[in-house]
Amino acid sequence: MSEVEVDTIAKKNITRMNKLQKRLRREVGSAIADYNMIEDGDRVMCCLSGGKDSYTMLDILLNLQQRAPIKFEIVAVNLDQKQPGFPEHILPAYLDKIGVPYHILEKDTYSIVKEKVPEGKTTCALCSRLRRGTLYGFAQHIGATKIALGHHRDDIIETMFLNMFYGGKQKAMPPKLLSDDGANMVIRPLAYCREKDIEAYSELKEFPIIPCNLCGSQENLKRGEIKNMLKLWDKQSPGRIETIFTAMQNTAPSQGVDREQFDFVSLKRNPDAVNKGDVADADLPAFDFVDISNNGHINLDISNRIDIVATFKP
């Protein structure tokens, strides 16, 4: 390949990277504003795993920190879970290079997970629980007011379907979450970002990715099945993933079946209410409706909403 061709490719990559960064920065900024994730004076603990998502989250937050109208601190934290072959030098070297304050924690959760979880079973639940407990405690130790995790929009949607299909619950990952004890606030700045954009940005930025050996070998994870399903949907019907996420932001408890979210038991009609009919009928064209049992013929048109032409009494 000639120098001219190499230079052309390099320029195209730079242009593409700038566009991706602008898009991700806009989406992260919107999520932060919509959910009031970061406030003036916050100390944000960015949990850095060494994967594409957390690298991108840290990169975009640092970028926004320079432009934001408020002041907030960023501290990167990595938990070394003592997985075999974990390259301990990569993250410190990267964080030293970009000049970000950081802490590297060590806790052998790997051995606990391998001991407690049978071979071939999903380790994610126990692994994340142990990791979360350690990070929550350390956040309070360093005075962090927010804990930033790198979950993106695809993660949120996948979690919703996982809970629906296998847990019988309709819940996902909220962009902002208060811990059960009220001591920690978790935020997900990438909540509006697509995984494919994060992956492309990560490749262009050449982040030193560290694979997760603990769960990476579990090829038949249920999350992988959900991910493949969503990828197929996205290919067959472009825009469907966006519609699903929009739907998650527009719930109507009174139109569902969850008795905890809406008080159906106490729901009563108001006998004194003025009957305005069904507002959804306003734009309907005129049509005839014939009773299935032929007991009557109802003519429904715009000028005369209901005209009973005939009735039948046994």
Protein backbone atom coordinates (compact mmCIF):
# COMPACT_ATOMS: atom_id res chain seq x y z
CA MET A 1 0.00 0.00 0.00
CA SER A 2 1.41 3.38 -1.01
CA GLU A 3 1.98 6.29 1.38
CA VAL A 4 -0.81 8.21 -0.34
CA GLU A 5 -3.28 5.38 0.27
CA VAL A 6 -2.20 5.07 3.91
CA ASP A 7 -2.58 8.82 4.37
CA THR A 8 -6.06 8.76 2.77
CA ILE A 9 -7.21 5.95 5.08
CA ALA A 10 -5.79 7.76 8.11
CA LYS A 11 -7.67 10.95 7.23
CA LYS A 12 -10.91 9.03 6.71
CA ASN A 13 -10.50 7.34 10.08
CA ILE A 14 -9.89 10.66 11.80
CA THR A 15 -13.02 12.11 10.20
CA ARG A 16 -15.04 9.07 11.20
CA MET A 17 -13.68 9.18 14.75
CA ASN A 18 -14.55 12.86 15.10
CA LYS A 19 -18.10 12.22 13.92
CA LEU A 20 -18.51 9.32 16.33
CA GLN A 21 -17.10 11.34 19.19
CA LYS A 22 -19.47 14.19 18.45
CA ARG A 23 -22.45 11.81 18.35
CA LEU A 24 -21.45 10.01 21.56
CA ARG A 25 -20.75 13.31 23.30
CA ARG A 26 -24.19 14.61 22.31
CA GLU A 27 -25.92 11.43 23.49
CA VAL A 28 -24.04 11.29 26.78
CA GLY A 29 -24.71 14.98 27.36
CA SER A 30 -28.42 14.45 26.71
CA ALA A 31 -28.59 11.50 29.11
CA ILE A 32 -26.78 13.46 31.83
CA ALA A 33 -29.17 16.40 31.39
CA ASP A 34 -32.35 14.31 31.14
CA TYR A 35 -31.65 12.37 34.33
CA ASN A 36 -29.61 14.99 36.20
CA MET A 37 -26.75 12.51 36.46
CA ILE A 38 -23.92 14.90 37.26
CA GLU A 39 -24.20 18.07 39.33
CA ASP A 40 -21.84 20.88 40.23
CA GLY A 41 -19.18 19.71 42.69
CA ASP A 42 -19.73 15.98 42.07
CA ARG A 43 -16.90 13.50 42.41
CA VAL A 44 -17.59 10.87 39.77
CA MET A 45 -16.03 7.44 40.24
CA CYS A 46 -15.70 5.91 36.77
CA CYS A 47 -15.59 2.13 37.03
CA LEU A 48 -13.06 0.99 34.46
CA SER A 49 -13.07 -2.70 33.54
CA GLY A 50 -10.75 -2.54 30.56
CA GLY A 51 -13.54 -3.16 28.07
CA LYS A 52 -14.66 -0.96 25.18
CA ASP A 53 -17.67 0.44 27.06
CA SER A 54 -15.88 1.72 30.14
CA TYR A 55 -12.97 3.13 28.09
CA THR A 56 -15.45 5.04 25.93
CA MET A 57 -17.39 6.28 28.95
CA LEU A 58 -14.23 7.65 30.57
CA ASP A 59 -13.06 9.22 27.32
CA ILE A 60 -16.37 11.00 26.64
CA LEU A 61 -16.77 12.17 30.25
CA LEU A 62 -13.27 13.65 30.20
CA ASN A 63 -14.18 15.39 26.96
CA LEU A 64 -17.39 16.79 28.44
CA GLN A 65 -15.62 17.81 31.63
CA GLN A 66 -13.63 20.35 29.62
CA ARG A 67 -16.78 21.87 28.09
CA ALA A 68 -19.37 21.54 30.86
CA PRO A 69 -20.74 24.68 32.54
CA ILE A 70 -20.31 22.93 35.90
CA LYS A 71 -17.26 21.63 37.73
CA PHE A 72 -16.92 17.97 38.63
CA GLU A 73 -14.08 15.57 39.39
CA ILE A 74 -13.38 12.26 37.67
CA VAL A 75 -11.61 9.39 39.41
CA ALA A 76 -11.05 6.10 37.57
CA VAL A 77 -11.29 2.89 39.58
CA ASN A 78 -10.50 -0.64 38.45
CA LEU A 79 -11.21 -3.79 40.42
CA ASP A 80 -8.68 -6.54 39.72
CA GLN A 81 -10.72 -9.68 40.44
CA LYS A 82 -7.63 -11.87 40.13
CA GLN A 83 -8.66 -13.62 36.96
CA PRO A 84 -5.87 -15.85 35.61
CA GLY A 85 -3.72 -14.01 33.11
CA PHE A 86 -5.17 -10.57 33.88
CA PRO A 87 -2.65 -8.03 32.51
CA GLU A 88 -2.26 -5.82 35.59
CA HIS A 89 0.02 -3.31 33.89
CA ILE A 90 -2.31 -2.21 31.05
CA LEU A 91 -4.78 0.02 32.89
CA PRO A 92 -2.25 1.86 35.10
CA ALA A 93 -0.10 2.55 32.03
CA TYR A 94 -3.08 3.89 30.08
CA LEU A 95 -4.34 6.06 32.94
CA ASP A 96 -0.84 7.41 33.63
CA LYS A 97 -0.58 8.31 29.94
CA ILE A 98 -3.81 10.33 29.87
CA GLY A 99 -3.23 11.83 33.32
CA VAL A 100 -6.35 10.68 35.13
CA PRO A 101 -6.39 10.08 38.91
CA TYR A 102 -7.07 6.41 39.58
CA HIS A 103 -7.17 3.58 42.08
CA ILE A 104 -6.52 -0.10 41.37
CA LEU A 105 -8.28 -2.42 43.81
CA GLU A 106 -7.57 -6.12 44.30
CA LYS A 107 -10.10 -8.68 45.50
CA ASP A 108 -10.14 -12.33 44.55
CA THR A 109 -13.78 -12.64 43.56
CA TYR A 110 -12.76 -14.98 40.73
CA SER A 111 -12.04 -17.85 43.13
CA ILE A 112 -15.33 -17.29 44.95
CA VAL A 113 -17.31 -17.36 41.70
CA LYS A 114 -15.56 -20.50 40.42
CA GLU A 115 -16.17 -22.21 43.75
CA LYS A 116 -19.85 -21.29 44.06
CA VAL A 117 -21.06 -21.54 40.44
CA PRO A 118 -21.25 -25.00 38.81
CA GLU A 119 -19.26 -25.51 35.63
CA GLY A 120 -21.14 -24.30 32.56
CA LYS A 121 -23.56 -22.13 34.51
CA THR A 122 -23.76 -18.35 34.14
CA THR A 123 -21.32 -16.56 36.45
CA CYS A 124 -22.48 -13.02 35.68
CA ALA A 125 -24.99 -12.63 38.52
CA LEU A 126 -22.65 -13.58 41.36
CA CYS A 127 -19.64 -11.90 39.77
CA SER A 128 -21.47 -8.57 39.36
CA ARG A 129 -22.88 -8.76 42.89
CA LEU A 130 -19.44 -9.23 44.44
CA ARG A 131 -17.95 -6.52 42.25
CA ARG A 132 -20.79 -4.09 43.03
CA GLY A 133 -20.40 -4.57 46.78
CA THR A 134 -16.69 -3.82 46.64
CA LEU A 135 -17.13 -0.75 44.45
CA TYR A 136 -20.00 0.64 46.56
CA GLY A 137 -17.86 0.44 49.67
CA PHE A 138 -14.85 2.04 48.01
CA ALA A 139 -16.96 4.89 46.60
CA GLN A 140 -17.87 5.92 50.12
CA HIS A 141 -14.23 5.54 51.20
CA ILE A 142 -13.03 8.10 48.63
CA GLY A 143 -16.05 10.40 48.95
CA ALA A 144 -17.45 9.73 45.47
CA THR A 145 -20.92 11.21 45.02
CA LYS A 146 -21.67 9.30 41.80
CA ILE A 147 -20.63 5.86 40.54
CA ALA A 148 -20.48 5.77 36.73
CA LEU A 149 -20.95 2.42 34.97
CA GLY A 150 -20.42 1.76 31.27
CA HIS A 151 -23.75 0.13 30.40
CA HIS A 152 -25.13 1.35 27.06
CA ARG A 153 -28.56 1.36 25.41
CA ASP A 154 -28.23 -2.18 24.05
CA ASP A 155 -27.40 -3.44 27.55
CA ILE A 156 -30.53 -1.78 28.91
CA ILE A 157 -32.79 -3.26 26.22
CA GLU A 158 -31.20 -6.71 26.52
CA THR A 159 -31.72 -6.66 30.28
CA MET A 160 -35.39 -5.84 29.82
CA PHE A 161 -35.92 -8.85 27.52
CA LEU A 162 -33.85 -11.10 29.78
CA ASN A 163 -36.08 -10.24 32.73
CA MET A 164 -39.23 -10.63 30.62
CA PHE A 165 -38.28 -13.97 29.06
CA TYR A 166 -36.53 -15.64 31.98
CA GLY A 167 -37.53 -13.72 35.12
CA GLY A 168 -41.16 -12.85 34.57
CA LYS A 169 -40.47 -9.20 35.33
CA GLN A 170 -40.62 -6.07 33.22
CA LYS A 171 -37.55 -4.17 34.37
CA ALA A 172 -34.23 -3.10 32.95
CA MET A 173 -31.24 -0.95 33.98
CA PRO A 174 -32.26 2.59 34.93
CA PRO A 175 -29.94 5.37 33.74
CA LYS A 176 -29.80 6.56 37.35
CA LEU A 177 -30.18 4.33 40.40
CA LEU A 178 -30.09 4.90 44.14
CA SER A 179 -28.66 1.92 46.03
CA ASP A 180 -30.97 0.10 48.43
CA ASP A 181 -29.28 1.63 51.47
CA GLY A 182 -29.48 5.12 49.95
CA ALA A 183 -25.72 5.63 50.28
CA ASN A 184 -24.66 5.43 46.63
CA MET A 185 -25.94 6.92 43.39
CA VAL A 186 -25.21 4.89 40.26
CA ILE A 187 -25.31 6.58 36.85
CA ARG A 188 -25.06 5.16 33.34
CA PRO A 189 -23.89 8.02 31.07
CA LEU A 190 -23.91 5.77 27.96
CA ALA A 191 -27.64 5.02 28.36
CA TYR A 192 -28.49 6.67 25.01
CA CYS A 193 -25.50 5.23 23.08
CA ARG A 194 -25.61 2.29 20.66
CA GLU A 195 -23.11 -0.52 21.17
CA LYS A 196 -22.08 -0.51 17.51
CA ASP A 197 -21.04 3.16 17.80
CA ILE A 198 -19.07 2.45 20.98
CA GLU A 199 -17.35 -0.52 19.34
CA ALA A 200 -16.39 1.51 16.27
CA TYR A 201 -15.15 4.41 18.40
CA SER A 202 -13.13 2.08 20.59
CA GLU A 203 -11.41 0.55 17.57
CA LEU A 204 -10.57 3.93 16.09
CA LYS A 205 -9.23 5.20 19.41
CA GLU A 206 -7.22 1.97 19.81
CA PHE A 207 -8.07 1.52 23.47
CA PRO A 208 -5.98 -1.26 25.12
CA ILE A 209 -8.88 -3.70 25.54
CA ILE A 210 -8.67 -6.36 28.26
CA PRO A 211 -10.94 -9.38 27.62
CA CYS A 212 -13.01 -10.85 30.44
CA ASN A 213 -11.83 -14.46 30.74
CA LEU A 214 -14.27 -15.25 33.52
CA CYS A 215 -17.45 -14.89 31.48
CA GLY A 216 -16.06 -14.68 27.96
CA SER A 217 -15.83 -18.47 27.71
CA GLN A 218 -19.56 -18.94 28.34
CA GLU A 219 -20.77 -18.96 24.77
CA ASN A 220 -24.36 -19.95 25.54
CA LEU A 221 -25.25 -17.14 27.90
CA LYS A 222 -28.89 -16.10 27.71
CA ARG A 223 -27.76 -12.53 27.14
CA GLY A 224 -26.01 -13.68 23.98
CA GLU A 225 -29.25 -15.18 22.73
CA ILE A 226 -31.09 -11.92 23.38
CA LYS A 227 -28.32 -9.94 21.70
CA ASN A 228 -28.55 -12.09 18.57
CA MET A 229 -32.33 -11.70 18.52
CA LEU A 230 -32.06 -7.92 18.68
CA LYS A 231 -29.37 -7.85 15.98
CA LEU A 232 -31.67 -9.84 13.71
CA TRP A 233 -34.56 -7.46 14.41
CA ASP A 234 -32.33 -4.49 13.72
CA LYS A 235 -31.29 -6.00 10.39
CA GLN A 236 -34.82 -6.96 9.36
CA SER A 237 -36.48 -3.76 10.57
CA PRO A 238 -34.04 -0.85 10.88
CA GLY A 239 -35.21 1.54 13.57
CA ARG A 240 -36.93 -1.11 15.69
CA ILE A 241 -34.31 -0.90 18.46
CA GLU A 242 -34.80 2.85 18.66
CA THR A 243 -38.57 2.33 18.88
CA ILE A 244 -38.16 -0.23 21.69
CA PHE A 245 -36.03 2.16 23.72
CA THR A 246 -38.48 5.01 23.12
CA ALA A 247 -41.28 2.73 24.32
CA MET A 248 -39.32 2.07 27.52
CA GLN A 249 -39.34 5.81 28.13
CA ASN A 250 -43.09 6.07 27.55
CA THR A 251 -44.84 3.66 29.90
CA ALA A 252 -48.55 3.88 30.74
CA PRO A 253 -49.30 2.01 34.01
CA SER A 254 -53.07 2.45 33.59
CA GLN A 255 -52.87 0.60 30.25
CA GLY A 256 -50.98 -2.37 31.68
CA VAL A 257 -51.78 -5.21 34.07
CA ASP A 258 -49.42 -4.48 36.99
CA ARG A 259 -51.57 -3.96 40.10
CA GLU A 260 -48.57 -2.53 41.98
CA GLN A 261 -48.11 0.24 39.44
CA PHE A 262 -51.78 1.18 39.10
CA ASP A 263 -54.71 0.87 41.50
CA PHE A 264 -57.18 -1.10 39.39
CA VAL A 265 -59.10 -2.32 42.45
CA SER A 266 -60.24 1.16 43.47
CA LEU A 267 -60.95 2.27 39.89
CA LYS A 268 -64.61 3.41 39.66
CA ARG A 269 -66.66 5.11 36.99
CA ASN A 270 -68.04 8.57 37.72
CA PRO A 271 -71.84 8.48 37.24
CA ASP A 272 -71.94 12.30 37.17
CA ALA A 273 -69.35 12.65 34.44
CA VAL A 274 -70.40 14.24 31.13
CA ASN A 275 -70.38 11.56 28.44
CA LYS A 276 -68.03 12.76 25.72
CA GLY A 277 -67.80 9.43 23.94
CA ASP A 278 -64.56 7.96 22.77
CA VAL A 279 -62.26 10.75 21.58
CA ALA A 280 -60.51 8.20 19.41
CA ASP A 281 -63.65 8.04 17.24
CA ALA A 282 -63.28 11.65 16.15
CA ASP A 283 -61.37 10.86 12.98
CA LEU A 284 -63.10 7.61 12.07
CA PRO A 285 -64.83 7.43 8.68
CA ALA A 286 -68.57 6.63 8.54
CA PHE A 287 -69.29 2.91 8.58
CA ASP A 288 -72.05 0.44 9.42
CA PHE A 289 -71.85 -2.07 12.21
CA VAL A 290 -74.26 -5.02 12.22
CA ASP A 291 -74.77 -6.91 15.46
CA ILE A 292 -73.46 -10.47 15.12
CA SER A 293 -76.74 -11.92 16.45
CA ASN A 294 -78.72 -9.65 14.08
CA ASN A 295 -80.50 -8.05 17.00
CA GLY A 296 -80.00 -4.58 15.74
CA HIS A 297 -78.44 -2.40 13.08
CA ILE A 298 -76.28 0.49 14.32
CA ASN A 299 -75.32 3.19 11.85
CA LEU A 300 -72.17 5.05 12.93
CA ASP A 301 -71.27 8.23 11.06
CA ILE A 302 -69.56 11.52 11.82
CA SER A 303 -72.68 13.72 11.80
CA ASN A 304 -74.81 11.38 13.87
CA ARG A 305 -72.46 9.34 16.04
CA ILE A 306 -74.91 6.58 17.02
CA ASP A 307 -78.30 6.12 15.33
CA ILE A 308 -80.22 3.05 16.50
CA VAL A 309 -82.15 1.94 13.46
CA ALA A 310 -83.72 -1.15 14.97
CA THR A 311 -83.82 -2.98 18.29
CA PHE A 312 -84.93 -6.39 19.39
CA LYS A 313 -86.47 -7.45 22.68
CA PRO A 314 -87.17 -11.14 23.39
